[in-house]
PDB file of N, CA and C in Angstrom:
ATOM      1  N   UNK A   1       0.877  -1.378  -0.060  1.00  0.00           N
ATOM      2  CA  UNK A   1      -0.189   0.000   0.053  1.00  0.00           C
ATOM      3  C   UNK A   1       0.826   1.099  -0.501  1.00  0.00           C
ATOM      4  N   UNK A   2       0.423   2.481  -0.733  1.00  0.00           N
ATOM      5  CA  UNK A   2       1.036   3.601  -1.017  1.00  0.00           C
ATOM      6  C   UNK A   2       0.512   4.145   0.488  1.00  0.00           C
ATOM      7  N   UNK A   3       1.488   4.703   0.868  1.00  0.00           N
ATOM      8  CA  UNK A   3       1.448   5.413   2.036  1.00  0.00           C
ATOM      9  C   UNK A   3       1.156   7.010   1.197  1.00  0.00           C
ATOM     10  N   UNK A   4       0.833   8.201   2.251  1.00  0.00           N
ATOM     11  CA  UNK A   4       0.817   9.354   2.102  1.00  0.00           C
ATOM     12  C   UNK A   4       1.964   9.834   1.588  1.00  0.00           C
ATOM     13  N   UNK A   5       3.103   9.598   3.080  1.00  0.00           N
ATOM     14  CA  UNK A   5       4.301  10.260   2.999  1.00  0.00           C
ATOM     15  C   UNK A   5       5.148   9.555   1.610  1.00  0.00           C
ATOM     16  N   UNK A   6       4.807   8.113   0.761  1.00  0.00           N
ATOM     17  CA  UNK A   6       5.148   7.420   0.052  1.00  0.00           C
ATOM     18  C   UNK A   6       5.068   8.692  -0.831  1.00  0.00           C
ATOM     19  N   UNK A   7       4.143   9.217  -1.487  1.00  0.00           N
ATOM     20  CA  UNK A   7       3.803   9.890  -2.423  1.00  0.00           C
ATOM     21  C   UNK A   7       3.880  11.407  -2.228  1.00  0.00           C
ATOM     22  N   UNK A   8       4.393  12.232  -1.476  1.00  0.00           N
ATOM     23  CA  UNK A   8       5.120  13.142  -1.159  1.00  0.00           C
ATOM     24  C   UNK A   8       6.116  13.073  -1.934  1.00  0.00           C
ATOM     25  N   UNK A   9       7.186  12.188  -1.261  1.00  0.00           N
ATOM     26  CA  UNK A   9       8.631  11.506  -1.259  1.00  0.00           C
ATOM     27  C   UNK A   9       8.168  11.435  -3.181  1.00  0.00           C
ATOM     28  N   UNK A  10       7.968  10.662  -3.737  1.00  0.00           N
ATOM     29  CA  UNK A  10       7.794  10.232  -5.015  1.00  0.00           C
ATOM     30  C   UNK A  10       7.821  11.455  -5.832  1.00  0.00           C
ATOM     31  N   UNK A  11       6.280  12.120  -5.576  1.00  0.00           N
ATOM     32  CA  UNK A  11       6.276  13.318  -6.398  1.00  0.00           C
ATOM     33  C   UNK A  11       7.483  14.503  -6.322  1.00  0.00           C
ATOM     34  N   UNK A  12       7.802  14.378  -5.006  1.00  0.00           N
ATOM     35  CA  UNK A  12       9.058  16.172  -5.080  1.00  0.00           C
ATOM     36  C   UNK A  12      10.563  14.948  -5.742  1.00  0.00           C
ATOM     37  N   UNK A  13      10.655  14.003  -5.690  1.00  0.00           N
ATOM     38  CA  UNK A  13      11.534  12.988  -6.377  1.00  0.00           C
ATOM     39  C   UNK A  13      11.457  13.510  -7.583  1.00  0.00           C
ATOM     40  N   UNK A  14      10.362  13.407  -8.484  1.00  0.00           N
ATOM     41  CA  UNK A  14      10.191  13.879  -9.293  1.00  0.00           C
ATOM     42  C   UNK A  14      10.434  14.961 -10.168  1.00  0.00           C
ATOM     43  N   UNK A  15      10.030  16.312  -9.322  1.00  0.00           N
ATOM     44  CA  UNK A  15      10.450  17.571  -9.323  1.00  0.00           C
ATOM     45  C   UNK A  15      11.608  17.793  -9.576  1.00  0.00           C
ATOM     46  N   UNK A  16      12.370  17.214  -8.514  1.00  0.00           N
ATOM     47  CA  UNK A  16      13.821  17.094  -8.543  1.00  0.00           C
ATOM     48  C   UNK A  16      14.803  17.207  -9.359  1.00  0.00           C
ATOM     49  N   UNK A  17      14.503  15.615  -9.818  1.00  0.00           N
ATOM     50  CA  UNK A  17      14.817  15.124 -11.336  1.00  0.00           C
ATOM     51  C   UNK A  17      14.655  15.776 -12.094  1.00  0.00           C
ATOM     52  N   UNK A  18      13.505  16.522 -12.323  1.00  0.00           N
ATOM     53  CA  UNK A  18      13.042  17.908 -13.425  1.00  0.00           C
ATOM     54  C   UNK A  18      13.947  18.141 -13.429  1.00  0.00           C
ATOM     55  N   UNK A  19      13.749  19.184 -12.374  1.00  0.00           N
ATOM     56  CA  UNK A  19      15.083  20.422 -11.969  1.00  0.00           C
ATOM     57  C   UNK A  19      16.247  20.105 -12.413  1.00  0.00           C
ATOM     58  N   UNK A  20      16.660  19.290 -12.207  1.00  0.00           N
ATOM     59  CA  UNK A  20      17.897  19.214 -11.888  1.00  0.00           C
ATOM     60  C   UNK A  20      18.489  18.656 -13.370  1.00  0.00           C
ATOM     61  N   UNK A  21      17.813  17.495 -14.564  1.00  0.00           N
ATOM     62  CA  UNK A  21      18.317  16.946 -15.721  1.00  0.00           C
ATOM     63  C   UNK A  21      17.539  17.465 -17.120  1.00  0.00           C
ATOM     64  N   UNK A  22      16.708  19.132 -16.375  1.00  0.00           N
ATOM     65  CA  UNK A  22      15.708  19.364 -17.221  1.00  0.00           C
ATOM     66  C   UNK A  22      15.693  20.994 -16.651  1.00  0.00           C
ATOM     67  N   UNK A  23      17.100  21.536 -16.569  1.00  0.00           N
ATOM     68  CA  UNK A  23      15.931  22.765 -16.002  1.00  0.00           C
ATOM     69  C   UNK A  23      15.615  24.196 -16.893  1.00  0.00           C
ATOM     70  N   UNK A  24      15.609  24.061 -18.180  1.00  0.00           N
ATOM     71  CA  UNK A  24      15.402  24.528 -19.120  1.00  0.00           C
ATOM     72  C   UNK A  24      13.630  24.161 -19.497  1.00  0.00           C
ATOM     73  N   UNK A  25      13.351  23.162 -18.912  1.00  0.00           N
ATOM     74  CA  UNK A  25      11.809  23.266 -19.032  1.00  0.00           C
ATOM     75  C   UNK A  25      11.021  23.161 -17.648  1.00  0.00           C
ATOM     76  N   UNK A  26       9.217  23.410 -18.286  1.00  0.00           N
ATOM     77  CA  UNK A  26       8.446  24.041 -16.995  1.00  0.00           C
ATOM     78  C   UNK A  26       8.177  23.077 -16.618  1.00  0.00           C
ATOM     79  N   UNK A  27       8.042  22.999 -15.479  1.00  0.00           N
ATOM     80  CA  UNK A  27       8.180  22.146 -14.179  1.00  0.00           C
ATOM     81  C   UNK A  27       6.379  22.727 -13.326  1.00  0.00           C
ATOM     82  N   UNK A  28       5.747  23.154 -13.852  1.00  0.00           N
ATOM     83  CA  UNK A  28       4.244  23.549 -13.616  1.00  0.00           C
ATOM     84  C   UNK A  28       3.715  21.887 -12.660  1.00  0.00           C
ATOM     85  N   UNK A  29       3.290  20.861 -14.127  1.00  0.00           N
ATOM     86  CA  UNK A  29       2.338  19.760 -13.962  1.00  0.00           C
ATOM     87  C   UNK A  29       3.475  18.607 -12.730  1.00  0.00           C
ATOM     88  N   UNK A  30       4.570  18.783 -12.685  1.00  0.00           N
ATOM     89  CA  UNK A  30       5.084  18.636 -11.542  1.00  0.00           C
ATOM     90  C   UNK A  30       5.140  19.359  -9.988  1.00  0.00           C
ATOM     91  N   UNK A  31       5.319  20.122  -9.786  1.00  0.00           N
ATOM     92  CA  UNK A  31       4.813  21.607  -8.969  1.00  0.00           C
ATOM     93  C   UNK A  31       3.652  21.077  -8.433  1.00  0.00           C
ATOM     94  N   UNK A  32       2.384  21.167  -9.185  1.00  0.00           N
ATOM     95  CA  UNK A  32       1.300  20.739  -9.196  1.00  0.00           C
ATOM     96  C   UNK A  32       0.768  19.479  -8.555  1.00  0.00           C
ATOM     97  N   UNK A  33       1.490  18.802  -9.046  1.00  0.00           N
ATOM     98  CA  UNK A  33       1.312  17.112  -8.444  1.00  0.00           C
ATOM     99  C   UNK A  33       2.251  17.096  -6.285  1.00  0.00           C
ATOM    100  N   UNK A  34       2.650  17.521  -6.763  1.00  0.00           N
ATOM    101  CA  UNK A  34       3.917  17.630  -5.204  1.00  0.00           C
ATOM    102  C   UNK A  34       3.081  18.855  -3.972  1.00  0.00           C
ATOM    103  N   UNK A  35       2.086  19.922  -4.511  1.00  0.00           N
ATOM    104  CA  UNK A  35       1.117  20.536  -3.550  1.00  0.00           C
ATOM    105  C   UNK A  35       0.201  19.374  -3.419  1.00  0.00           C
ATOM    106  N   UNK A  36      -0.498  18.847  -4.453  1.00  0.00           N
ATOM    107  CA  UNK A  36      -1.746  18.231  -4.094  1.00  0.00           C
ATOM    108  C   UNK A  36      -1.601  16.941  -3.287  1.00  0.00           C
ATOM    109  N   UNK A  37      -0.153  16.291  -3.295  1.00  0.00           N
ATOM    110  CA  UNK A  37       0.196  15.611  -2.808  1.00  0.00           C
ATOM    111  C   UNK A  37       0.214  15.829  -1.041  1.00  0.00           C
ATOM    112  N   UNK A  38       0.702  17.088  -0.888  1.00  0.00           N
ATOM    113  CA  UNK A  38       0.670  17.525   0.353  1.00  0.00           C
ATOM    114  C   UNK A  38      -0.505  17.780   1.390  1.00  0.00           C
ATOM    115  N   UNK A  39      -1.274  18.255   0.166  1.00  0.00           N
ATOM    116  CA  UNK A  39      -2.685  18.941   0.417  1.00  0.00           C
ATOM    117  C   UNK A  39      -3.471  17.232   0.502  1.00  0.00           C
ATOM    118  N   UNK A  40      -3.456  16.157  -0.127  1.00  0.00           N
ATOM    119  CA  UNK A  40      -4.182  14.891   0.634  1.00  0.00           C
ATOM    120  C   UNK A  40      -3.869  14.663   1.831  1.00  0.00           C
ATOM    121  N   UNK A  41      -2.063  14.362   2.063  1.00  0.00           N
ATOM    122  CA  UNK A  41      -1.680  14.248   3.269  1.00  0.00           C
ATOM    123  C   UNK A  41      -2.381  15.351   4.426  1.00  0.00           C
ATOM    124  N   UNK A  42      -2.186  16.765   4.253  1.00  0.00           N
ATOM    125  CA  UNK A  42      -2.875  17.514   5.537  1.00  0.00           C
ATOM    126  C   UNK A  42      -3.848  17.241   5.946  1.00  0.00           C
ATOM    127  N   UNK A  43      -5.057  17.511   4.465  1.00  0.00           N
ATOM    128  CA  UNK A  43      -6.171  17.040   4.805  1.00  0.00           C
ATOM    129  C   UNK A  43      -6.617  15.591   5.311  1.00  0.00           C
ATOM    130  N   UNK A  44      -5.881  14.579   4.701  1.00  0.00           N
ATOM    131  CA  UNK A  44      -6.777  13.014   5.172  1.00  0.00           C
ATOM    132  C   UNK A  44      -5.647  13.324   6.698  1.00  0.00           C
ATOM    133  N   UNK A  45      -4.968  13.847   7.715  1.00  0.00           N
ATOM    134  CA  UNK A  45      -4.885  14.090   8.826  1.00  0.00           C
ATOM    135  C   UNK A  45      -5.239  14.792   9.452  1.00  0.00           C
ATOM    136  N   UNK A  46      -5.934  15.834   9.423  1.00  0.00           N
ATOM    137  CA  UNK A  46      -7.282  16.860   9.866  1.00  0.00           C
ATOM    138  C   UNK A  46      -8.718  16.635   9.923  1.00  0.00           C
ATOM    139  N   UNK A  47      -8.730  15.536   8.862  1.00  0.00           N
ATOM    140  CA  UNK A  47     -10.199  14.999   8.736  1.00  0.00           C
ATOM    141  C   UNK A  47     -10.275  13.746   9.630  1.00  0.00           C
ATOM    142  N   UNK A  48      -8.734  12.858   9.785  1.00  0.00           N
ATOM    143  CA  UNK A  48      -9.070  11.821  10.864  1.00  0.00           C
ATOM    144  C   UNK A  48      -8.775  12.148  12.089  1.00  0.00           C
ATOM    145  N   UNK A  49      -9.019  13.490  12.411  1.00  0.00           N
ATOM    146  CA  UNK A  49      -9.396  13.750  14.127  1.00  0.00           C
ATOM    147  C   UNK A  49     -10.182  14.652  14.142  1.00  0.00           C
ATOM    148  N   UNK A  50     -11.404  14.844  13.138  1.00  0.00           N
ATOM    149  CA  UNK A  50     -12.162  15.812  12.706  1.00  0.00           C
ATOM    150  C   UNK A  50     -13.363  15.214  12.464  1.00  0.00           C
ATOM    151  N   UNK A  51     -14.788  15.901  13.256  1.00  0.00           N
ATOM    152  CA  UNK A  51     -16.166  15.580  13.332  1.00  0.00           C
ATOM    153  C   UNK A  51     -15.884  15.715  10.729  1.00  0.00           C
ATOM    154  N   UNK A  52     -17.015  14.690  10.206  1.00  0.00           N
ATOM    155  CA  UNK A  52     -17.254  15.049   8.964  1.00  0.00           C
ATOM    156  C   UNK A  52     -17.767  16.596   8.856  1.00  0.00           C
ATOM    157  N   UNK A  53     -17.165  16.986   8.317  1.00  0.00           N
ATOM    158  CA  UNK A  53     -17.774  18.441   7.381  1.00  0.00           C
ATOM    159  C   UNK A  53     -19.214  18.674   6.761  1.00  0.00           C
ATOM    160  N   UNK A  54     -19.644  19.652   6.871  1.00  0.00           N
ATOM    161  CA  UNK A  54     -21.367  20.036   6.193  1.00  0.00           C
ATOM    162  C   UNK A  54     -20.879  19.694   5.117  1.00  0.00           C
ATOM    163  N   UNK A  55     -22.110  19.854   4.217  1.00  0.00           N
ATOM    164  CA  UNK A  55     -22.179  20.138   2.756  1.00  0.00           C
ATOM    165  C   UNK A  55     -21.872  21.829   2.473  1.00  0.00           C
ATOM    166  N   UNK A  56     -22.082  22.590   3.150  1.00  0.00           N
ATOM    167  CA  UNK A  56     -21.360  24.365   2.996  1.00  0.00           C
ATOM    168  C   UNK A  56     -20.250  24.186   3.395  1.00  0.00           C
ATOM    169  N   UNK A  57     -19.577  22.825   4.245  1.00  0.00           N
ATOM    170  CA  UNK A  57     -18.350  23.529   4.767  1.00  0.00           C
ATOM    171  C   UNK A  57     -17.060  22.694   3.688  1.00  0.00           C
ATOM    172  N   UNK A  58     -17.974  21.733   3.200  1.00  0.00           N
ATOM    173  CA  UNK A  58     -17.250  21.019   1.982  1.00  0.00           C
ATOM    174  C   UNK A  58     -16.938  21.763   0.843  1.00  0.00           C
ATOM    175  N   UNK A  59     -17.860  22.994   0.594  1.00  0.00           N
ATOM    176  CA  UNK A  59     -18.516  24.014  -0.642  1.00  0.00           C
ATOM    177  C   UNK A  59     -17.442  25.048  -0.425  1.00  0.00           C
ATOM    178  N   UNK A  60     -16.922  25.187   0.596  1.00  0.00           N
ATOM    179  CA  UNK A  60     -16.308  26.141   1.591  1.00  0.00           C
ATOM    180  C   UNK A  60     -14.839  25.917   0.769  1.00  0.00           C
ATOM    181  N   UNK A  61     -14.623  24.758   1.037  1.00  0.00           N
ATOM    182  CA  UNK A  61     -12.942  24.780   0.615  1.00  0.00           C
ATOM    183  C   UNK A  61     -13.424  24.334  -0.219  1.00  0.00           C
ATOM    184  N   UNK A  62     -13.505  23.009  -0.871  1.00  0.00           N
ATOM    185  CA  UNK A  62     -13.639  23.443  -2.187  1.00  0.00           C
ATOM    186  C   UNK A  62     -13.410  24.986  -2.785  1.00  0.00           C
ATOM    187  N   UNK A  63     -14.282  26.093  -2.425  1.00  0.00           N
ATOM    188  CA  UNK A  63     -14.062  26.958  -3.170  1.00  0.00           C
ATOM    189  C   UNK A  63     -12.609  27.332  -3.419  1.00  0.00           C
ATOM    190  N   UNK A  64     -11.691  27.717  -2.348  1.00  0.00           N
ATOM    191  CA  UNK A  64     -10.097  28.153  -1.708  1.00  0.00           C
ATOM    192  C   UNK A  64      -9.655  27.080  -2.756  1.00  0.00           C
ATOM    193  N   UNK A  65      -9.721  25.550  -2.487  1.00  0.00           N
ATOM    194  CA  UNK A  65      -8.913  24.759  -3.836  1.00  0.00           C
ATOM    195  C   UNK A  65      -9.422  25.111  -4.987  1.00  0.00           C
ATOM    196  N   UNK A  66     -10.262  25.940  -5.636  1.00  0.00           N
ATOM    197  CA  UNK A  66     -10.595  26.057  -6.879  1.00  0.00           C
ATOM    198  C   UNK A  66     -10.156  27.758  -7.026  1.00  0.00           C
ATOM    199  N   UNK A  67      -9.729  28.451  -6.045  1.00  0.00           N
ATOM    200  CA  UNK A  67      -9.599  29.992  -6.100  1.00  0.00           C
ATOM    201  C   UNK A  67     -10.375  30.857  -6.509  1.00  0.00           C
ATOM    202  N   UNK A  68     -11.644  30.578  -5.933  1.00  0.00           N
ATOM    203  CA  UNK A  68     -12.872  31.260  -6.289  1.00  0.00           C
ATOM    204  C   UNK A  68     -13.188  31.914  -4.656  1.00  0.00           C
ATOM    205  N   UNK A  69     -12.585  31.778  -3.286  1.00  0.00           N
ATOM    206  CA  UNK A  69     -12.512  32.017  -2.427  1.00  0.00           C
ATOM    207  C   UNK A  69     -10.843  32.839  -1.413  1.00  0.00           C
ATOM    208  N   UNK A  70     -11.026  33.861  -1.819  1.00  0.00           N
ATOM    209  CA  UNK A  70      -9.880  34.755  -1.305  1.00  0.00           C
ATOM    210  C   UNK A  70      -9.858  35.273  -0.380  1.00  0.00           C
ATOM    211  N   UNK A  71     -10.697  35.016   0.914  1.00  0.00           N
ATOM    212  CA  UNK A  71     -11.205  35.547   1.472  1.00  0.00           C
ATOM    213  C   UNK A  71     -10.159  34.953   2.674  1.00  0.00           C
ATOM    214  N   UNK A  72     -10.773  33.463   2.177  1.00  0.00           N
ATOM    215  CA  UNK A  72      -9.775  32.175   3.391  1.00  0.00           C
ATOM    216  C   UNK A  72      -8.458  32.645   3.913  1.00  0.00           C
ATOM    217  N   UNK A  73      -7.534  33.249   3.143  1.00  0.00           N
ATOM    218  CA  UNK A  73      -6.009  33.403   3.564  1.00  0.00           C
ATOM    219  C   UNK A  73      -6.134  34.493   5.106  1.00  0.00           C
ATOM    220  N   UNK A  74      -4.883  33.801   5.794  1.00  0.00           N
ATOM    221  CA  UNK A  74      -5.532  34.286   7.354  1.00  0.00           C
ATOM    222  C   UNK A  74      -6.828  34.395   8.017  1.00  0.00           C
ATOM    223  N   UNK A  75      -7.328  33.295   7.704  1.00  0.00           N
ATOM    224  CA  UNK A  75      -8.859  33.093   8.273  1.00  0.00           C
ATOM    225  C   UNK A  75      -8.701  32.103   9.491  1.00  0.00           C
ATOM    226  N   UNK A  76      -7.797  31.084   9.801  1.00  0.00           N
ATOM    227  CA  UNK A  76      -7.545  29.714   9.661  1.00  0.00           C
ATOM    228  C   UNK A  76      -7.389  30.450  11.406  1.00  0.00           C
ATOM    229  N   UNK A  77      -8.166  29.895  12.606  1.00  0.00           N
ATOM    230  CA  UNK A  77      -8.150  29.551  13.541  1.00  0.00           C
ATOM    231  C   UNK A  77      -6.911  28.870  14.782  1.00  0.00           C
TER     232      UNK A  77
END
């Protein structure tokens, strides 16, 4: 079974190799994959310690992920 840490390490490794051996190429997709792996880990950890979110709360989080809610930065308690 692949763990969250393994996914982060794999994505980070792919990005590091691309930056080292292909520094002149665009690495946006690899950077996105690493960010997504880190977010999946963080969200899974938080949700393992928290009650389920309401539909409205999930929609609010999705809005942040889709860059539709610009007020969320700095609002964390």
